Every structure is written in C-alpha cells, then in structure tokens.
Amino acid sequence: MTRDEVSQLVIDIINDILPEGDCSGVDPNVNLRDQLDLDSMDFLDIVMELRKQHGVEVPEEDYPKLATLNSCVDYIAPKLGGA
C-alpha cells in the first residue's frame, strides 16, 4: 500500500466518523485534533476503525504517533506492508 493510499484510508475513516467534517483542506503536518475539532471519543473511534477495517492495532502509548496525517501514515504504512 502506498503512502497516498494509506493517507486516503485515514481520511476515509475520519470522513465516516465526522461526516460533517471536511478533510479536503487538511494540512498533513498539523495536528488533526486541532484542524478537525476531534474530541477524545472521535479519536478513539478512528483507532477502533483502523483495527476493525484493517487489523491495525494501536496501543494507547502510541496514540501520540497519530497526531498528524503524515505521522498517521508513517505509523500505519509499515503495518499494512507499505513504504
């Protein structure tokens, strides 16, 4: 899976969780919680969907590694066999 595909996967999950949110203008280097006004439950929903849809386990101590879109891709891509 390419970095772009992993990025789109994360955006799709966020759009499913926040249908009123608009991820089209997301800056990949800025904290997602700040940009999209995500609360703790929204963030946990994203983590749960990653596990449910793609088998990606994210231990609680790794949650800070999912702060930005780029950091999400950096963390998730290797787990999905991506670059």
C-alpha atoms as a PDB file:
ATOM      1  CA  MET A   1       0.000   0.000   0.000  1.00  0.00           C
ATOM      2  CA  THR A   2       1.444   3.391  -0.984  1.00  0.00           C
ATOM      3  CA  ARG A   3       1.677   6.402   1.318  1.00  0.00           C
ATOM      4  CA  ASP A   4      -1.079   8.098  -0.699  1.00  0.00           C
ATOM      5  CA  GLU A   5      -3.338   5.067  -0.280  1.00  0.00           C
ATOM      6  CA  VAL A   6      -2.705   4.974   3.467  1.00  0.00           C
ATOM      7  CA  SER A   7      -3.385   8.703   3.667  1.00  0.00           C
ATOM      8  CA  GLN A   8      -6.675   8.246   1.817  1.00  0.00           C
ATOM      9  CA  LEU A   9      -7.574   5.335   4.095  1.00  0.00           C
ATOM     10  CA  VAL A  10      -7.146   7.584   7.166  1.00  0.00           C
ATOM     11  CA  ILE A  11      -9.128  10.395   5.535  1.00  0.00           C
ATOM     12  CA  ASP A  12     -11.927   7.978   4.625  1.00  0.00           C
ATOM     13  CA  ILE A  13     -12.152   6.761   8.214  1.00  0.00           C
ATOM     14  CA  ILE A  14     -12.238  10.326   9.511  1.00  0.00           C
ATOM     15  CA  ASN A  15     -14.941  11.247   6.994  1.00  0.00           C
ATOM     16  CA  ASP A  16     -17.003   8.249   8.129  1.00  0.00           C
ATOM     17  CA  ILE A  17     -16.698   9.305  11.756  1.00  0.00           C
ATOM     18  CA  LEU A  18     -17.182  13.021  11.106  1.00  0.00           C
ATOM     19  CA  PRO A  19     -19.459  13.223   8.074  1.00  0.00           C
ATOM     20  CA  GLU A  20     -19.888  16.953   8.660  1.00  0.00           C
ATOM     21  CA  GLY A  21     -16.123  17.389   8.668  1.00  0.00           C
ATOM     22  CA  ASP A  22     -14.203  18.355   5.569  1.00  0.00           C
ATOM     23  CA  CYS A  23     -10.838  16.684   5.171  1.00  0.00           C
ATOM     24  CA  SER A  24     -10.116  18.164   1.747  1.00  0.00           C
ATOM     25  CA  GLY A  25      -8.069  21.015   3.206  1.00  0.00           C
ATOM     26  CA  VAL A  26      -6.252  19.058   5.894  1.00  0.00           C
ATOM     27  CA  ASP A  27      -2.641  20.097   6.310  1.00  0.00           C
ATOM     28  CA  PRO A  28      -0.758  16.784   6.673  1.00  0.00           C
ATOM     29  CA  ASN A  29       1.730  18.368   9.095  1.00  0.00           C
ATOM     30  CA  VAL A  30      -0.745  19.963  11.514  1.00  0.00           C
ATOM     31  CA  ASN A  31      -2.429  18.219  14.433  1.00  0.00           C
ATOM     32  CA  LEU A  32      -5.647  16.539  13.251  1.00  0.00           C
ATOM     33  CA  ARG A  33      -7.468  17.180  16.519  1.00  0.00           C
ATOM     34  CA  ASP A  34      -6.918  20.911  16.124  1.00  0.00           C
ATOM     35  CA  GLN A  35      -7.808  21.057  12.435  1.00  0.00           C
ATOM     36  CA  LEU A  36     -10.935  18.919  12.607  1.00  0.00           C
ATOM     37  CA  ASP A  37     -12.033  19.673  16.159  1.00  0.00           C
ATOM     38  CA  LEU A  38     -11.771  15.989  17.103  1.00  0.00           C
ATOM     39  CA  ASP A  39     -12.596  15.083  20.672  1.00  0.00           C
ATOM     40  CA  SER A  40     -11.237  12.066  22.541  1.00  0.00           C
ATOM     41  CA  MET A  41     -14.151   9.842  21.513  1.00  0.00           C
ATOM     42  CA  ASP A  42     -13.710  10.744  17.834  1.00  0.00           C
ATOM     43  CA  PHE A  43     -10.030   9.869  18.095  1.00  0.00           C
ATOM     44  CA  LEU A  44     -10.810   6.535  19.755  1.00  0.00           C
ATOM     45  CA  ASP A  45     -13.356   5.814  17.013  1.00  0.00           C
ATOM     46  CA  ILE A  46     -10.612   6.354  14.418  1.00  0.00           C
ATOM     47  CA  VAL A  47      -8.304   3.944  16.253  1.00  0.00           C
ATOM     48  CA  MET A  48     -11.089   1.365  16.548  1.00  0.00           C
ATOM     49  CA  GLU A  49     -11.917   1.627  12.827  1.00  0.00           C
ATOM     50  CA  LEU A  50      -8.257   1.119  11.926  1.00  0.00           C
ATOM     51  CA  ARG A  51      -8.340  -2.123  13.892  1.00  0.00           C
ATOM     52  CA  LYS A  52     -11.752  -3.228  12.645  1.00  0.00           C
ATOM     53  CA  GLN A  53     -11.246  -2.436   8.959  1.00  0.00           C
ATOM     54  CA  HIS A  54      -7.527  -3.098   8.554  1.00  0.00           C
ATOM     55  CA  GLY A  55      -6.318  -5.098  11.554  1.00  0.00           C
ATOM     56  CA  VAL A  56      -4.019  -2.296  12.702  1.00  0.00           C
ATOM     57  CA  GLU A  57      -3.538  -2.435  16.468  1.00  0.00           C
ATOM     58  CA  VAL A  58      -2.548   0.874  18.050  1.00  0.00           C
ATOM     59  CA  PRO A  59      -1.529   0.590  21.705  1.00  0.00           C
ATOM     60  CA  GLU A  60      -2.526   3.555  23.854  1.00  0.00           C
ATOM     61  CA  GLU A  61       1.094   4.600  24.314  1.00  0.00           C
ATOM     62  CA  ASP A  62       1.345   5.058  20.525  1.00  0.00           C
ATOM     63  CA  TYR A  63      -1.656   7.421  20.234  1.00  0.00           C
ATOM     64  CA  PRO A  64       0.628  10.492  20.066  1.00  0.00           C
ATOM     65  CA  LYS A  65       2.141   8.995  16.897  1.00  0.00           C
ATOM     66  CA  LEU A  66      -1.235   9.567  15.189  1.00  0.00           C
ATOM     67  CA  ALA A  67      -1.301  13.318  15.776  1.00  0.00           C
ATOM     68  CA  THR A  68      -0.977  14.487  12.155  1.00  0.00           C
ATOM     69  CA  LEU A  69      -1.948  12.917   8.856  1.00  0.00           C
ATOM     70  CA  ASN A  70       1.724  12.427   7.965  1.00  0.00           C
ATOM     71  CA  SER A  71       2.502  10.831  11.329  1.00  0.00           C
ATOM     72  CA  CYS A  72      -0.514   8.524  10.883  1.00  0.00           C
ATOM     73  CA  VAL A  73       0.838   7.424   7.507  1.00  0.00           C
ATOM     74  CA  ASP A  74       4.345   6.955   8.965  1.00  0.00           C
ATOM     75  CA  TYR A  75       2.900   4.755  11.707  1.00  0.00           C
ATOM     76  CA  ILE A  76       0.306   2.790   9.709  1.00  0.00           C
ATOM     77  CA  ALA A  77       2.056   2.220   6.348  1.00  0.00           C
ATOM     78  CA  PRO A  78       4.614  -0.314   7.654  1.00  0.00           C
ATOM     79  CA  LYS A  79       1.821  -2.234   9.409  1.00  0.00           C
ATOM     80  CA  LEU A  80      -0.027  -2.524   6.087  1.00  0.00           C
ATOM     81  CA  GLY A  81       3.059  -3.500   4.117  1.00  0.00           C
ATOM     82  CA  GLY A  82       3.527  -0.029   2.686  1.00  0.00           C
ATOM     83  CA  ALA A  83       6.548   2.141   2.171  1.00  0.00           C
END
